Amino acid sequence: MRGEVVRAMLASALSLFVVSLPARTLVLSQSVADTASQKIKIEDLLKANSYKIAMSEGYLSGSGLEFLLKATDKTQFFAIAEPHNAKEVPEITSSLFNSLKKHHGFNYLALEQDPVMARMVSAPVNVGNRDYLVSLARKYLNAFTFITDQELEMISQVGAVSRGRGNRIWGLDQVFGAIHVLDRLSKFAPSPDVRNRTLKLVEVLKRNEAERAKKQDRYTMAEVGNIEEFNQLLKQYHPKSGSEAEFLISQMLLSARVYQNNRDAESGQLTGYTASLEREENMKALFMLEYRRAQVAGDAVPKVLLKLGHNHSIRGRSWSDVLSLGNFISEFARSNGMNSFHLAVYNNNATGDYGVLGSTPDYKPLADAAAKDRWTVIDLRPLREYAYGGKLAGLNPELRRVIFGFDAVLLIGGASRGTYKLIGVE
């Protein structure tokens, strides 16, 4: 009985409270309820979180740069997801490296590049030497995974300004070609016979390379000739554990295997997943190898700018269905009490045969959120609550992956292809 009285009293008090509420408050509450039941157009939310950014005389400027620097105050790893061989991306990377170095103490650049070549250009006697770097690129056409003029200029510029105590340039890809590796490996040959066999293979590959260069065609480790003969030669070295020779051999063997598995997958064999997994795990291993080198050299907490394809830079599961390097560095940074920041770059041209992002239906909402003749940075993080709550109209699975896999995007209006003049290709 007493409980019923109490409930009646509470109900009466509540009714008096509601009646006494100002009419405006009730209207606002209804407005909030209506908004909560509606969806927001994804283009509108993208535009609302956009910043202008521009490049002038090699320097980035604008509210977009300010946003990136502010957003990365506690960041250990900054990952740029690139469209390969674009002219603007290496230029952006060089400028961003300078800003991150100045404001946040970054000193290392990790690339989707041949790891052996990256070590060669990081050697103290030659790091930052543009002429030396270009001479290597001309001598070993297949040594660099990506070899545009802009890529080579970037490697040189970053190498010159970095104050990293370990290798300043980190190569995280598998070995692309073989000649530069075999030339170096021959110095560790256990006998004259093995050395001669190695140099003989180098000459065969040089002829192969010369013929392909005439056609502007490059080859990978899967095309070194008789793979089994190649593998048997490398086994004759018997390198010491942890030695440079072991590193050179292991990377060549892994690379030949990855490329061969990829080619076999194209012919219908079930080797594609193995190739992708082994490649991504090698990237993580190479990253940690260079990271520990930097620590041993005296840099307790190395801060690294990474530039790789979207497939490797995204958090979580990549488009190859493996846990990406980007996911690895994200978790690794958190274990150090810091963050990682992931910036996806897309070419956003209006028309033409290059970089027309809007021609891909899934990405059209993103492309339409920015001007096609300017550069725009968009913060994706505010979109996550809307996407998670099902409140984004126009959201598709691909854009959902981008929103949760990257922190921001950079849309390059007026993007162009890289050039190859430094290696003699007009």
Protein backbone atom coordinates (compact mmCIF):
# COMPACT_ATOMS: atom_id res chain seq x y z
CA MET A 1 0.00 0.00 0.00
CA ARG A 2 2.76 2.35 1.01
CA GLY A 3 4.61 1.59 -2.27
CA GLU A 4 1.53 2.56 -4.26
CA VAL A 5 1.34 5.90 -2.46
CA VAL A 6 4.99 6.62 -3.15
CA ARG A 7 4.58 5.78 -6.84
CA ALA A 8 1.52 8.03 -7.06
CA MET A 9 3.43 10.90 -5.45
CA LEU A 10 6.36 10.44 -7.88
CA ALA A 11 4.01 10.36 -10.86
CA SER A 12 2.31 13.54 -9.71
CA ALA A 13 5.63 15.32 -9.19
CA LEU A 14 6.88 14.23 -12.61
CA SER A 15 3.71 15.51 -14.31
CA LEU A 16 4.10 18.88 -12.57
CA PHE A 17 7.79 19.02 -13.65
CA VAL A 18 6.95 18.34 -17.30
CA VAL A 19 4.15 20.90 -17.33
CA SER A 20 6.45 23.52 -15.80
CA LEU A 21 9.18 23.01 -18.48
CA PRO A 22 9.52 25.94 -20.90
CA ALA A 23 7.93 25.27 -24.27
CA ARG A 24 11.28 25.96 -26.06
CA THR A 25 12.98 23.09 -24.22
CA LEU A 26 10.30 20.67 -25.36
CA VAL A 27 10.70 21.84 -28.96
CA LEU A 28 14.48 21.42 -28.81
CA SER A 29 14.13 17.93 -27.37
CA GLN A 30 11.82 16.99 -30.21
CA SER A 31 14.31 18.46 -32.71
CA VAL A 32 17.11 16.34 -31.28
CA ALA A 33 14.91 13.26 -31.49
CA ASP A 34 14.12 14.01 -35.13
CA THR A 35 17.80 14.50 -35.98
CA ALA A 36 18.73 11.24 -34.29
CA SER A 37 16.32 9.37 -36.53
CA GLN A 38 17.72 10.88 -39.75
CA LYS A 39 20.83 10.18 -41.77
CA ILE A 40 23.45 12.72 -42.79
CA LYS A 41 24.82 12.73 -46.32
CA ILE A 42 28.39 11.48 -46.32
CA GLU A 43 29.45 14.26 -48.71
CA ASP A 44 28.20 16.91 -46.27
CA LEU A 45 30.14 15.45 -43.36
CA LEU A 46 33.28 15.08 -45.48
CA LYS A 47 33.07 18.72 -46.54
CA ALA A 48 32.46 19.85 -42.96
CA ASN A 49 35.75 18.27 -41.89
CA SER A 50 37.87 19.55 -44.80
CA TYR A 51 41.01 21.69 -44.74
CA LYS A 52 42.90 23.45 -47.51
CA ILE A 53 46.51 22.49 -48.17
CA ALA A 54 48.90 23.54 -50.93
CA MET A 55 52.49 23.12 -52.08
CA SER A 56 54.64 26.11 -53.04
CA GLU A 57 58.37 25.98 -53.77
CA GLY A 58 58.68 22.64 -52.01
CA TYR A 59 56.78 23.61 -48.85
CA LEU A 60 53.33 22.60 -47.68
CA SER A 61 51.12 25.27 -46.21
CA GLY A 62 47.54 25.98 -45.21
CA SER A 63 45.07 24.87 -42.58
CA GLY A 64 45.53 21.28 -43.77
CA LEU A 65 49.17 21.26 -42.67
CA GLU A 66 48.23 22.86 -39.35
CA PHE A 67 45.62 20.15 -38.84
CA LEU A 68 48.10 17.36 -39.59
CA LEU A 69 50.73 18.73 -37.21
CA LYS A 70 48.20 19.24 -34.43
CA ALA A 71 46.70 15.78 -34.94
CA THR A 72 50.12 14.13 -34.69
CA ASP A 73 51.36 15.74 -31.47
CA LYS A 74 51.66 12.35 -29.75
CA THR A 75 52.38 10.30 -32.86
CA GLN A 76 55.34 7.94 -33.24
CA PHE A 77 54.54 6.61 -36.73
CA PHE A 78 52.97 8.59 -39.58
CA ALA A 79 51.91 6.42 -42.54
CA ILE A 80 51.27 7.90 -45.99
CA ALA A 81 49.23 5.59 -48.24
CA GLU A 82 50.24 6.48 -51.77
CA PRO A 83 49.14 5.99 -55.36
CA HIS A 84 52.42 4.59 -56.73
CA ASN A 85 54.58 6.64 -59.11
CA ALA A 86 52.57 9.85 -58.72
CA LYS A 87 54.63 13.00 -59.18
CA GLU A 88 53.27 14.88 -56.20
CA VAL A 89 53.45 12.25 -53.46
CA PRO A 90 57.26 12.12 -52.99
CA GLU A 91 57.31 15.94 -52.99
CA ILE A 92 54.61 15.98 -50.31
CA THR A 93 56.55 13.35 -48.35
CA SER A 94 59.75 15.41 -48.36
CA SER A 95 57.97 18.52 -47.14
CA LEU A 96 55.95 16.63 -44.54
CA PHE A 97 59.11 14.95 -43.28
CA ASN A 98 60.70 18.35 -42.71
CA SER A 99 57.65 19.55 -40.77
CA LEU A 100 57.41 16.39 -38.68
CA LYS A 101 61.12 16.53 -37.97
CA LYS A 102 60.94 20.17 -36.87
CA HIS A 103 57.81 19.92 -34.74
CA HIS A 104 57.76 16.30 -33.52
CA GLY A 105 61.31 14.93 -33.84
CA PHE A 106 60.87 12.51 -36.75
CA ASN A 107 64.16 11.24 -38.22
CA TYR A 108 63.46 8.11 -40.29
CA LEU A 109 61.75 7.44 -43.62
CA ALA A 110 60.43 3.92 -44.30
CA LEU A 111 59.49 3.10 -47.89
CA GLU A 112 58.02 0.37 -50.06
CA GLN A 113 61.49 -0.02 -51.50
CA ASP A 114 64.17 -2.68 -51.90
CA PRO A 115 65.76 -3.17 -48.43
CA VAL A 116 69.28 -3.75 -49.76
CA MET A 117 69.26 -0.60 -51.86
CA ALA A 118 67.85 1.38 -48.93
CA ARG A 119 70.83 0.32 -46.83
CA MET A 120 73.21 1.29 -49.62
CA VAL A 121 71.82 4.83 -49.86
CA SER A 122 71.79 5.13 -46.05
CA ALA A 123 75.51 4.40 -45.70
CA PRO A 124 77.06 7.36 -43.81
CA VAL A 125 79.57 8.15 -46.56
CA ASN A 126 76.84 8.54 -49.21
CA VAL A 127 73.54 9.34 -47.45
CA GLY A 128 71.89 12.39 -48.97
CA ASN A 129 74.28 12.39 -51.95
CA ARG A 130 71.99 12.93 -54.93
CA ASP A 131 74.65 12.19 -57.58
CA TYR A 132 75.58 8.90 -55.93
CA LEU A 133 71.94 7.90 -55.67
CA VAL A 134 71.26 8.65 -59.33
CA SER A 135 74.39 6.75 -60.37
CA LEU A 136 73.13 3.70 -58.47
CA ALA A 137 69.73 3.97 -60.13
CA ARG A 138 71.37 4.08 -63.56
CA LYS A 139 73.74 1.22 -62.78
CA TYR A 140 71.08 -1.03 -61.23
CA LEU A 141 67.80 -0.36 -63.04
CA ASN A 142 65.94 -2.99 -61.03
CA ALA A 143 67.36 -2.14 -57.63
CA PHE A 144 64.73 0.44 -56.73
CA THR A 145 61.14 -0.77 -56.47
CA PHE A 146 59.99 2.71 -57.52
CA ILE A 147 62.38 4.87 -59.51
CA THR A 148 60.70 8.10 -60.60
CA ASP A 149 62.73 11.32 -60.54
CA GLN A 150 60.59 12.51 -57.66
CA GLU A 151 61.17 9.33 -55.64
CA LEU A 152 64.94 9.60 -56.04
CA GLU A 153 64.90 13.31 -55.17
CA MET A 154 62.86 12.56 -52.05
CA ILE A 155 65.25 9.85 -50.86
CA SER A 156 68.18 12.19 -51.38
CA GLN A 157 66.54 15.17 -49.65
CA VAL A 158 65.36 13.23 -46.63
CA GLY A 159 68.72 11.50 -46.30
CA ALA A 160 70.44 14.88 -46.24
CA VAL A 161 68.27 16.53 -43.56
CA SER A 162 67.61 13.54 -41.29
CA ARG A 163 69.59 13.23 -38.09
CA GLY A 164 68.67 9.61 -37.53
CA ARG A 165 71.30 7.58 -35.71
CA GLY A 166 70.46 4.35 -37.50
CA ASN A 167 69.79 3.93 -41.20
CA ARG A 168 67.91 7.05 -42.25
CA ILE A 169 66.09 5.33 -45.14
CA TRP A 170 64.36 2.03 -44.42
CA GLY A 171 63.44 -0.36 -47.25
CA LEU A 172 60.45 -2.49 -46.27
CA ASP A 173 59.65 -4.26 -49.53
CA GLN A 174 61.16 -7.48 -50.79
CA VAL A 175 64.14 -7.36 -53.14
CA PHE A 176 62.97 -6.22 -56.57
CA GLY A 177 65.93 -7.07 -58.81
CA ALA A 178 69.01 -9.20 -58.17
CA ILE A 179 72.18 -7.70 -59.70
CA HIS A 180 72.93 -5.19 -56.93
CA VAL A 181 72.43 -7.90 -54.29
CA LEU A 182 74.59 -10.49 -56.07
CA ASP A 183 77.36 -7.92 -56.65
CA ARG A 184 77.46 -7.29 -52.93
CA LEU A 185 77.05 -10.94 -51.98
CA SER A 186 80.00 -12.01 -54.15
CA LYS A 187 82.32 -10.28 -51.66
CA PHE A 188 81.32 -12.88 -49.07
CA ALA A 189 81.79 -15.93 -51.31
CA PRO A 190 83.36 -18.84 -49.37
CA SER A 191 85.47 -19.94 -52.37
CA PRO A 192 86.68 -18.67 -55.77
CA ASP A 193 84.36 -21.14 -57.48
CA VAL A 194 81.26 -19.82 -55.72
CA ARG A 195 82.34 -16.25 -56.39
CA ASN A 196 82.85 -16.96 -60.10
CA ARG A 197 79.48 -18.67 -60.37
CA THR A 198 77.86 -15.66 -58.71
CA LEU A 199 79.51 -13.17 -61.03
CA LYS A 200 78.60 -15.32 -64.02
CA LEU A 201 74.96 -15.12 -62.98
CA VAL A 202 75.35 -11.34 -62.65
CA GLU A 203 76.54 -11.12 -66.26
CA VAL A 204 73.57 -13.18 -67.47
CA LEU A 205 71.20 -10.89 -65.63
CA LYS A 206 72.93 -7.77 -66.97
CA ARG A 207 72.31 -8.93 -70.53
CA ASN A 208 68.72 -9.69 -69.64
CA GLU A 209 68.34 -6.26 -68.06
CA ALA A 210 69.91 -4.48 -71.04
CA GLU A 211 67.44 -6.11 -73.45
CA ARG A 212 64.49 -5.25 -71.25
CA ALA A 213 65.71 -1.67 -70.72
CA LYS A 214 65.46 -1.08 -74.47
CA LYS A 215 61.75 -1.86 -74.18
CA GLN A 216 61.40 0.09 -70.92
CA ASP A 217 60.53 -3.21 -69.28
CA ARG A 218 61.67 -4.26 -65.82
CA TYR A 219 61.85 -7.70 -64.25
CA THR A 220 61.57 -9.11 -60.75
CA MET A 221 63.37 -11.75 -58.74
CA ALA A 222 61.04 -14.39 -60.18
CA GLU A 223 62.71 -13.92 -63.55
CA VAL A 224 66.36 -14.50 -62.71
CA GLY A 225 66.46 -17.57 -64.91
CA ASN A 226 66.54 -21.08 -63.49
CA ILE A 227 65.21 -20.52 -59.97
CA GLU A 228 66.38 -23.91 -58.71
CA GLU A 229 69.93 -23.30 -59.98
CA PHE A 230 69.80 -19.87 -58.37
CA ASN A 231 68.67 -21.34 -55.05
CA GLN A 232 71.40 -24.00 -55.13
CA LEU A 233 74.06 -21.34 -55.68
CA LEU A 234 72.92 -19.34 -52.68
CA LYS A 235 73.05 -22.45 -50.51
CA GLN A 236 76.79 -22.70 -51.18
CA TYR A 237 77.47 -19.59 -49.09
CA HIS A 238 76.71 -21.01 -45.62
CA PRO A 239 76.55 -17.52 -44.03
CA LYS A 240 76.93 -16.89 -40.33
CA SER A 241 73.77 -16.16 -38.39
CA GLY A 242 73.07 -12.45 -38.26
CA SER A 243 75.63 -11.61 -40.94
CA GLU A 244 75.08 -9.32 -43.92
CA ALA A 245 75.51 -12.29 -46.23
CA GLU A 246 72.67 -14.09 -44.46
CA PHE A 247 70.47 -11.01 -44.82
CA LEU A 248 71.21 -10.71 -48.54
CA ILE A 249 70.56 -14.39 -49.21
CA SER A 250 67.40 -14.62 -47.12
CA GLN A 251 65.88 -11.57 -48.81
CA MET A 252 66.66 -12.87 -52.30
CA LEU A 253 65.22 -16.30 -51.56
CA LEU A 254 62.09 -14.84 -49.98
CA SER A 255 61.62 -12.39 -52.83
CA ALA A 256 61.98 -15.02 -55.53
CA ARG A 257 59.45 -17.17 -53.67
CA VAL A 258 56.92 -14.32 -53.24
CA TYR A 259 57.09 -13.32 -56.90
CA GLN A 260 56.89 -16.91 -58.08
CA ASN A 261 53.86 -17.60 -55.88
CA ASN A 262 52.19 -14.51 -57.30
CA ARG A 263 52.81 -15.67 -60.86
CA ASP A 264 51.56 -19.16 -60.04
CA ALA A 265 48.39 -17.65 -58.54
CA GLU A 266 47.74 -15.86 -61.82
CA SER A 267 47.67 -19.26 -63.52
CA GLY A 268 45.13 -20.61 -61.06
CA GLN A 269 47.30 -22.18 -58.34
CA LEU A 270 46.40 -21.61 -54.67
CA THR A 271 49.50 -19.60 -53.79
CA GLY A 272 48.22 -16.00 -53.76
CA TYR A 273 47.40 -15.81 -50.07
CA THR A 274 50.76 -17.32 -49.13
CA ALA A 275 52.55 -14.73 -51.25
CA SER A 276 50.65 -11.83 -49.68
CA LEU A 277 51.09 -13.11 -46.13
CA GLU A 278 54.81 -13.79 -46.48
CA ARG A 279 55.39 -10.39 -48.07
CA GLU A 280 53.49 -8.48 -45.36
CA GLU A 281 55.18 -10.37 -42.53
CA ASN A 282 58.56 -9.63 -44.10
CA MET A 283 57.67 -5.93 -44.14
CA LYS A 284 56.99 -6.07 -40.41
CA ALA A 285 60.25 -7.96 -39.80
CA LEU A 286 62.25 -5.43 -41.84
CA PHE A 287 60.60 -2.56 -39.98
CA MET A 288 61.57 -4.04 -36.62
CA LEU A 289 65.10 -4.82 -37.83
CA GLU A 290 65.66 -1.14 -38.71
CA TYR A 291 63.84 0.02 -35.58
CA ARG A 292 66.16 -2.01 -33.33
CA ARG A 293 69.20 -0.75 -35.26
CA ALA A 294 68.13 2.81 -34.53
CA GLN A 295 67.70 1.97 -30.86
CA VAL A 296 71.09 0.32 -30.63
CA ALA A 297 72.58 3.43 -32.27
CA GLY A 298 71.15 5.55 -29.45
CA ASP A 299 67.63 6.57 -30.52
CA ALA A 300 65.44 5.21 -27.72
CA VAL A 301 62.08 5.97 -29.38
CA PRO A 302 62.53 6.28 -33.17
CA LYS A 303 59.84 8.34 -34.90
CA VAL A 304 59.19 7.17 -38.44
CA LEU A 305 57.40 8.55 -41.49
CA LEU A 306 56.28 5.68 -43.73
CA LYS A 307 55.25 5.88 -47.39
CA LEU A 308 53.73 2.75 -48.90
CA GLY A 309 50.72 1.65 -50.91
CA HIS A 310 47.25 1.76 -49.36
CA ASN A 311 47.29 -2.03 -49.05
CA HIS A 312 50.15 -1.89 -46.54
CA SER A 313 49.31 1.38 -44.73
CA ILE A 314 45.71 0.72 -43.73
CA ARG A 315 44.87 -0.36 -40.20
CA GLY A 316 43.38 -3.81 -39.77
CA ARG A 317 42.90 -6.27 -42.61
CA SER A 318 44.35 -5.21 -45.93
CA TRP A 319 42.80 -5.70 -49.37
CA SER A 320 44.99 -8.82 -49.56
CA ASP A 321 43.14 -10.22 -46.53
CA VAL A 322 46.17 -10.19 -44.21
CA LEU A 323 46.83 -8.05 -41.14
CA SER A 324 48.71 -5.10 -42.59
CA LEU A 325 51.96 -3.41 -41.68
CA GLY A 326 49.78 -0.37 -40.93
CA ASN A 327 47.92 -2.40 -38.32
CA PHE A 328 51.22 -3.56 -36.84
CA ILE A 329 52.63 -0.04 -36.40
CA SER A 330 49.32 1.15 -34.97
CA GLU A 331 49.43 -1.45 -32.21
CA PHE A 332 53.17 -1.02 -31.74
CA ALA A 333 52.82 2.73 -31.20
CA ARG A 334 50.10 2.13 -28.62
CA SER A 335 52.38 -0.27 -26.76
CA ASN A 336 54.84 2.62 -26.48
CA GLY A 337 52.18 4.93 -25.09
CA MET A 338 51.92 6.86 -28.37
CA ASN A 339 49.80 6.88 -31.54
CA SER A 340 50.09 6.28 -35.25
CA PHE A 341 48.46 8.48 -37.88
CA HIS A 342 47.39 7.12 -41.27
CA LEU A 343 46.88 9.46 -44.23
CA ALA A 344 45.41 8.02 -47.44
CA VAL A 345 46.35 9.95 -50.58
CA TYR A 346 44.19 9.86 -53.71
CA ASN A 347 44.59 11.57 -57.07
CA ASN A 348 41.38 13.52 -57.66
CA ASN A 349 41.45 14.75 -61.23
CA ALA A 350 38.26 15.88 -62.97
CA THR A 351 38.87 14.17 -66.32
CA GLY A 352 41.51 12.33 -68.30
CA ASP A 353 43.18 8.94 -68.22
CA TYR A 354 44.94 9.39 -64.89
CA GLY A 355 43.85 9.84 -61.32
CA VAL A 356 40.10 10.29 -61.82
CA LEU A 357 38.95 9.06 -58.42
CA GLY A 358 35.32 9.89 -59.16
CA SER A 359 35.22 7.34 -61.97
CA THR A 360 35.27 4.59 -59.34
CA PRO A 361 31.66 4.42 -58.05
CA ASP A 362 32.57 3.47 -54.47
CA TYR A 363 34.89 6.47 -54.17
CA LYS A 364 32.70 9.03 -55.96
CA PRO A 365 31.28 10.51 -52.71
CA LEU A 366 34.82 11.10 -51.49
CA ALA A 367 35.93 12.57 -54.82
CA ASP A 368 32.92 14.89 -54.95
CA ALA A 369 33.66 16.27 -51.48
CA ALA A 370 36.65 18.27 -52.76
CA ALA A 371 37.54 20.57 -55.64
CA LYS A 372 39.30 18.96 -58.58
CA ASP A 373 41.77 21.81 -59.06
CA ARG A 374 43.01 22.10 -55.46
CA TRP A 375 44.35 19.93 -52.67
CA THR A 376 42.16 19.05 -49.71
CA VAL A 377 42.77 17.24 -46.42
CA ILE A 378 39.73 15.62 -44.80
CA ASP A 379 39.64 14.42 -41.20
CA LEU A 380 37.86 11.06 -41.24
CA ARG A 381 37.72 10.49 -37.50
CA PRO A 382 34.51 12.51 -36.87
CA LEU A 383 32.70 10.26 -39.38
CA ARG A 384 33.26 7.08 -37.40
CA GLU A 385 30.44 7.52 -34.85
CA TYR A 386 27.99 8.25 -37.67
CA ALA A 387 29.21 5.27 -39.70
CA TYR A 388 29.09 2.95 -36.70
CA GLY A 389 25.62 4.15 -35.77
CA GLY A 390 24.25 3.71 -39.30
CA LYS A 391 23.68 7.45 -39.72
CA LEU A 392 25.66 8.09 -42.91
CA ALA A 393 23.67 8.24 -46.13
CA GLY A 394 25.72 7.18 -49.15
CA LEU A 395 28.17 5.06 -47.18
CA ASN A 396 29.33 1.88 -48.94
CA PRO A 397 31.54 -0.96 -47.64
CA GLU A 398 34.65 0.37 -49.40
CA LEU A 399 34.36 3.85 -47.92
CA ARG A 400 33.56 2.33 -44.55
CA ARG A 401 36.87 0.47 -44.73
CA VAL A 402 38.66 3.74 -45.55
CA ILE A 403 36.97 5.68 -42.74
CA PHE A 404 38.00 3.17 -40.09
CA GLY A 405 41.34 2.21 -41.65
CA PHE A 406 42.72 5.73 -42.12
CA ASP A 407 42.58 8.87 -40.00
CA ALA A 408 42.50 11.36 -42.87
CA VAL A 409 42.67 11.59 -46.64
CA LEU A 410 44.55 13.95 -48.92
CA LEU A 411 42.82 14.54 -52.26
CA ILE A 412 45.15 15.87 -54.96
CA GLY A 413 43.34 17.83 -57.63
CA GLY A 414 45.50 18.26 -60.72
CA ALA A 415 47.65 15.19 -60.02
CA SER A 416 50.20 13.98 -62.57
CA ARG A 417 52.44 11.01 -63.26
CA GLY A 418 56.04 10.85 -62.11
CA THR A 419 58.91 11.31 -64.58
CA TYR A 420 62.03 9.24 -65.34
CA LYS A 421 64.55 11.71 -66.76
CA LEU A 422 67.24 11.02 -64.14
CA ILE A 423 67.64 7.43 -65.36
CA GLY A 424 67.56 8.50 -68.99
CA VAL A 425 63.95 7.72 -69.83
CA GLU A 426 62.11 10.70 -71.34
